[in-house]
Amino acid sequence: MVNTTSPFLTDIPQVCADIRARGHHSMVVSMSPDFYARLLLRFGFDEVVASRFPEPPFASPVVAEDILTPHDKVGIVEEARRRRGVDLERCVAYGDSMSDAPLFRHLTNTVAVNGDGHIADLASARYTGTSLWDAYSTARGILTPTCP
């Protein structure tokens, strides 16, 4: 059974709605098990990509190749970005730990959200708190003026 009451940042639905209203796309890329990460879809994210695990209670073994690595995040974002025709400079990544480091090194616009010291040093902006709206507002401030 998946715990559906895990704590998340506040204001997630408002951020997803604003992103969609601007004609943009939201995507979560997580190394977490997919059955857990898919819970984020209920908040309004357009897409969730995560490590593939057997459904609980794990009737079959975990396949090592189905588990994402930090470097996989770059390839996943690049494929989605190209498919949607989004310029690299218009992508924003949010992250909290070293598993986000390859993506933070790849993208220009990055926000460490409650990030540890390692990821905060790689980020172009930092946010500490509980509101995704506030973290999103921080990111909006680092985007170039040509972005709506």
C-alpha atoms as a PDB file:
ATOM      1  CA  MET A   1       0.000   0.000   0.000  1.00  0.00           C
ATOM      2  CA  VAL A   2       1.324   3.433  -0.939  1.00  0.00           C
ATOM      3  CA  ASN A   3       1.174   6.160   1.701  1.00  0.00           C
ATOM      4  CA  THR A   4      -0.861   8.939   0.074  1.00  0.00           C
ATOM      5  CA  THR A   5      -0.461  11.323   3.009  1.00  0.00           C
ATOM      6  CA  SER A   6       3.254  12.039   2.578  1.00  0.00           C
ATOM      7  CA  PRO A   7       4.170  15.672   3.193  1.00  0.00           C
ATOM      8  CA  PHE A   8       4.630  17.796   0.091  1.00  0.00           C
ATOM      9  CA  LEU A   9       5.315  21.471  -0.432  1.00  0.00           C
ATOM     10  CA  THR A  10       2.243  23.706  -0.324  1.00  0.00           C
ATOM     11  CA  ASP A  11       0.733  25.470  -3.353  1.00  0.00           C
ATOM     12  CA  ILE A  12       1.612  22.748  -5.869  1.00  0.00           C
ATOM     13  CA  PRO A  13      -1.757  22.869  -7.696  1.00  0.00           C
ATOM     14  CA  GLN A  14      -1.496  26.660  -8.077  1.00  0.00           C
ATOM     15  CA  VAL A  15       1.987  26.392  -9.573  1.00  0.00           C
ATOM     16  CA  CYS A  16       0.938  23.638 -11.995  1.00  0.00           C
ATOM     17  CA  ALA A  17      -2.114  25.683 -13.039  1.00  0.00           C
ATOM     18  CA  ASP A  18       0.002  28.800 -13.621  1.00  0.00           C
ATOM     19  CA  ILE A  19       2.534  26.853 -15.679  1.00  0.00           C
ATOM     20  CA  ARG A  20      -0.259  25.412 -17.815  1.00  0.00           C
ATOM     21  CA  ALA A  21      -1.963  28.821 -18.170  1.00  0.00           C
ATOM     22  CA  ARG A  22       1.301  30.210 -19.577  1.00  0.00           C
ATOM     23  CA  GLY A  23       1.286  27.433 -22.187  1.00  0.00           C
ATOM     24  CA  HIS A  24       4.211  25.661 -20.548  1.00  0.00           C
ATOM     25  CA  HIS A  25       4.692  22.068 -19.401  1.00  0.00           C
ATOM     26  CA  SER A  26       5.519  20.708 -15.950  1.00  0.00           C
ATOM     27  CA  MET A  27       7.414  17.478 -15.464  1.00  0.00           C
ATOM     28  CA  VAL A  28       8.747  15.677 -12.431  1.00  0.00           C
ATOM     29  CA  VAL A  29      11.800  13.469 -12.925  1.00  0.00           C
ATOM     30  CA  SER A  30      12.499  11.418  -9.835  1.00  0.00           C
ATOM     31  CA  MET A  31      14.621   8.457  -8.894  1.00  0.00           C
ATOM     32  CA  SER A  32      11.822   7.508  -6.479  1.00  0.00           C
ATOM     33  CA  PRO A  33       9.653   4.476  -7.196  1.00  0.00           C
ATOM     34  CA  ASP A  34       7.089   5.246  -9.879  1.00  0.00           C
ATOM     35  CA  PHE A  35       4.162   4.083  -7.748  1.00  0.00           C
ATOM     36  CA  TYR A  36       5.068   6.815  -5.264  1.00  0.00           C
ATOM     37  CA  ALA A  37       6.094   9.526  -7.739  1.00  0.00           C
ATOM     38  CA  ARG A  38       2.808   9.141  -9.662  1.00  0.00           C
ATOM     39  CA  LEU A  39       1.057  10.563  -6.593  1.00  0.00           C
ATOM     40  CA  LEU A  40       2.278  13.951  -7.824  1.00  0.00           C
ATOM     41  CA  LEU A  41      -0.035  13.751 -10.837  1.00  0.00           C
ATOM     42  CA  ARG A  42      -2.959  14.520  -8.523  1.00  0.00           C
ATOM     43  CA  PHE A  43      -1.498  18.003  -7.989  1.00  0.00           C
ATOM     44  CA  GLY A  44      -1.613  18.802 -11.689  1.00  0.00           C
ATOM     45  CA  PHE A  45       1.854  18.008 -13.012  1.00  0.00           C
ATOM     46  CA  ASP A  46       1.689  17.198 -16.710  1.00  0.00           C
ATOM     47  CA  GLU A  47       4.143  14.330 -16.584  1.00  0.00           C
ATOM     48  CA  VAL A  48       5.992  12.209 -14.030  1.00  0.00           C
ATOM     49  CA  VAL A  49       8.994  10.058 -14.929  1.00  0.00           C
ATOM     50  CA  ALA A  50      10.401   7.856 -12.183  1.00  0.00           C
ATOM     51  CA  SER A  51      12.194   4.597 -11.501  1.00  0.00           C
ATOM     52  CA  ARG A  52      10.059   1.633 -12.500  1.00  0.00           C
ATOM     53  CA  PHE A  53       9.360  -0.719  -9.637  1.00  0.00           C
ATOM     54  CA  PRO A  54       7.029  -3.698  -9.430  1.00  0.00           C
ATOM     55  CA  GLU A  55       3.707  -2.749  -7.878  1.00  0.00           C
ATOM     56  CA  PRO A  56       3.643  -3.246  -4.106  1.00  0.00           C
ATOM     57  CA  PRO A  57       3.877  -5.731  -2.480  1.00  0.00           C
ATOM     58  CA  PHE A  58       6.665  -6.438  -4.987  1.00  0.00           C
ATOM     59  CA  ALA A  59       5.440  -9.715  -6.445  1.00  0.00           C
ATOM     60  CA  SER A  60       8.322  -9.611  -8.943  1.00  0.00           C
ATOM     61  CA  PRO A  61      11.962  -8.565  -8.568  1.00  0.00           C
ATOM     62  CA  VAL A  62      13.253  -5.064  -9.177  1.00  0.00           C
ATOM     63  CA  VAL A  63      15.052  -4.778 -12.529  1.00  0.00           C
ATOM     64  CA  ALA A  64      18.258  -2.772 -12.124  1.00  0.00           C
ATOM     65  CA  GLU A  65      17.951  -1.140 -15.569  1.00  0.00           C
ATOM     66  CA  ASP A  66      14.551   0.291 -14.584  1.00  0.00           C
ATOM     67  CA  ILE A  67      16.019   2.350 -11.740  1.00  0.00           C
ATOM     68  CA  LEU A  68      16.962   5.887 -12.768  1.00  0.00           C
ATOM     69  CA  THR A  69      20.339   7.384 -12.027  1.00  0.00           C
ATOM     70  CA  PRO A  70      21.184  11.068 -11.595  1.00  0.00           C
ATOM     71  CA  HIS A  71      22.590  11.142 -15.143  1.00  0.00           C
ATOM     72  CA  ASP A  72      19.341   9.712 -16.561  1.00  0.00           C
ATOM     73  CA  LYS A  73      17.591  12.912 -15.510  1.00  0.00           C
ATOM     74  CA  VAL A  74      19.519  14.904 -18.122  1.00  0.00           C
ATOM     75  CA  GLY A  75      18.547  12.541 -20.945  1.00  0.00           C
ATOM     76  CA  ILE A  76      14.893  12.488 -19.881  1.00  0.00           C
ATOM     77  CA  VAL A  77      14.695  16.278 -19.737  1.00  0.00           C
ATOM     78  CA  GLU A  78      16.543  16.655 -23.037  1.00  0.00           C
ATOM     79  CA  GLU A  79      14.183  14.244 -24.804  1.00  0.00           C
ATOM     80  CA  ALA A  80      11.111  16.054 -23.430  1.00  0.00           C
ATOM     81  CA  ARG A  81      12.586  19.469 -24.221  1.00  0.00           C
ATOM     82  CA  ARG A  82      13.347  18.559 -27.813  1.00  0.00           C
ATOM     83  CA  ARG A  83       9.970  16.869 -28.298  1.00  0.00           C
ATOM     84  CA  ARG A  84       8.247  20.077 -27.183  1.00  0.00           C
ATOM     85  CA  GLY A  85      10.610  22.446 -29.009  1.00  0.00           C
ATOM     86  CA  VAL A  86      11.632  24.246 -25.818  1.00  0.00           C
ATOM     87  CA  ASP A  87      14.887  26.205 -25.806  1.00  0.00           C
ATOM     88  CA  LEU A  88      17.392  25.094 -23.192  1.00  0.00           C
ATOM     89  CA  GLU A  89      17.368  28.616 -21.699  1.00  0.00           C
ATOM     90  CA  ARG A  90      13.626  28.338 -21.007  1.00  0.00           C
ATOM     91  CA  CYS A  91      13.881  25.153 -18.922  1.00  0.00           C
ATOM     92  CA  VAL A  92      13.898  25.453 -15.142  1.00  0.00           C
ATOM     93  CA  ALA A  93      14.933  22.625 -12.849  1.00  0.00           C
ATOM     94  CA  TYR A  94      14.114  22.425  -9.156  1.00  0.00           C
ATOM     95  CA  GLY A  95      16.085  20.076  -6.949  1.00  0.00           C
ATOM     96  CA  ASP A  96      17.107  19.340  -3.407  1.00  0.00           C
ATOM     97  CA  SER A  97      20.044  16.935  -3.444  1.00  0.00           C
ATOM     98  CA  MET A  98      23.110  15.711  -5.282  1.00  0.00           C
ATOM     99  CA  SER A  99      20.948  13.403  -7.400  1.00  0.00           C
ATOM    100  CA  ASP A 100      19.991  16.624  -9.219  1.00  0.00           C
ATOM    101  CA  ALA A 101      23.594  17.733  -9.797  1.00  0.00           C
ATOM    102  CA  PRO A 102      23.972  16.476 -13.394  1.00  0.00           C
ATOM    103  CA  LEU A 103      20.765  18.274 -14.389  1.00  0.00           C
ATOM    104  CA  PHE A 104      21.847  21.445 -12.556  1.00  0.00           C
ATOM    105  CA  ARG A 105      25.158  21.348 -14.431  1.00  0.00           C
ATOM    106  CA  HIS A 106      23.298  20.913 -17.734  1.00  0.00           C
ATOM    107  CA  LEU A 107      20.694  23.676 -17.349  1.00  0.00           C
ATOM    108  CA  THR A 108      21.185  27.394 -16.799  1.00  0.00           C
ATOM    109  CA  ASN A 109      18.025  28.036 -14.740  1.00  0.00           C
ATOM    110  CA  THR A 110      18.088  25.975 -11.578  1.00  0.00           C
ATOM    111  CA  VAL A 111      16.550  26.405  -8.145  1.00  0.00           C
ATOM    112  CA  ALA A 112      17.689  24.539  -5.049  1.00  0.00           C
ATOM    113  CA  VAL A 113      14.569  23.969  -2.950  1.00  0.00           C
ATOM    114  CA  ASN A 114      15.518  23.201   0.638  1.00  0.00           C
ATOM    115  CA  GLY A 115      18.707  21.963  -0.969  1.00  0.00           C
ATOM    116  CA  ASP A 116      21.684  20.575   0.780  1.00  0.00           C
ATOM    117  CA  GLY A 117      24.912  22.561   0.542  1.00  0.00           C
ATOM    118  CA  HIS A 118      26.171  20.635  -2.480  1.00  0.00           C
ATOM    119  CA  ILE A 119      23.185  21.340  -4.716  1.00  0.00           C
ATOM    120  CA  ALA A 120      22.741  24.896  -3.415  1.00  0.00           C
ATOM    121  CA  ASP A 121      26.262  25.687  -4.653  1.00  0.00           C
ATOM    122  CA  LEU A 122      25.294  24.540  -8.183  1.00  0.00           C
ATOM    123  CA  ALA A 123      21.970  26.395  -8.292  1.00  0.00           C
ATOM    124  CA  SER A 124      21.371  29.732  -9.958  1.00  0.00           C
ATOM    125  CA  ALA A 125      18.809  30.495  -7.203  1.00  0.00           C
ATOM    126  CA  ARG A 126      17.983  29.099  -3.778  1.00  0.00           C
ATOM    127  CA  TYR A 127      14.759  28.766  -1.837  1.00  0.00           C
ATOM    128  CA  THR A 128      14.199  27.529   1.703  1.00  0.00           C
ATOM    129  CA  GLY A 129      10.659  27.041   2.926  1.00  0.00           C
ATOM    130  CA  THR A 130       7.457  25.102   2.402  1.00  0.00           C
ATOM    131  CA  SER A 131       5.748  26.907  -0.507  1.00  0.00           C
ATOM    132  CA  LEU A 132       6.302  25.755  -4.076  1.00  0.00           C
ATOM    133  CA  TRP A 133       4.701  29.039  -5.169  1.00  0.00           C
ATOM    134  CA  ASP A 134       7.490  30.967  -3.453  1.00  0.00           C
ATOM    135  CA  ALA A 135      10.145  28.702  -5.010  1.00  0.00           C
ATOM    136  CA  TYR A 136       8.436  29.128  -8.395  1.00  0.00           C
ATOM    137  CA  SER A 137       8.417  32.911  -7.944  1.00  0.00           C
ATOM    138  CA  THR A 138      12.138  32.735  -7.243  1.00  0.00           C
ATOM    139  CA  ALA A 139      12.599  30.850 -10.516  1.00  0.00           C
ATOM    140  CA  ARG A 140      10.482  33.355 -12.452  1.00  0.00           C
ATOM    141  CA  GLY A 141      12.926  36.017 -11.289  1.00  0.00           C
ATOM    142  CA  ILE A 142      15.918  34.271 -12.898  1.00  0.00           C
ATOM    143  CA  LEU A 143      14.286  33.700 -16.291  1.00  0.00           C
ATOM    144  CA  THR A 144      15.104  36.013 -19.141  1.00  0.00           C
ATOM    145  CA  PRO A 145      12.602  38.815 -19.845  1.00  0.00           C
ATOM    146  CA  THR A 146      11.528  37.124 -23.107  1.00  0.00           C
ATOM    147  CA  CYS A 147       9.852  34.292 -21.202  1.00  0.00           C
ATOM    148  CA  PRO A 148       6.123  34.886 -20.579  1.00  0.00           C
END
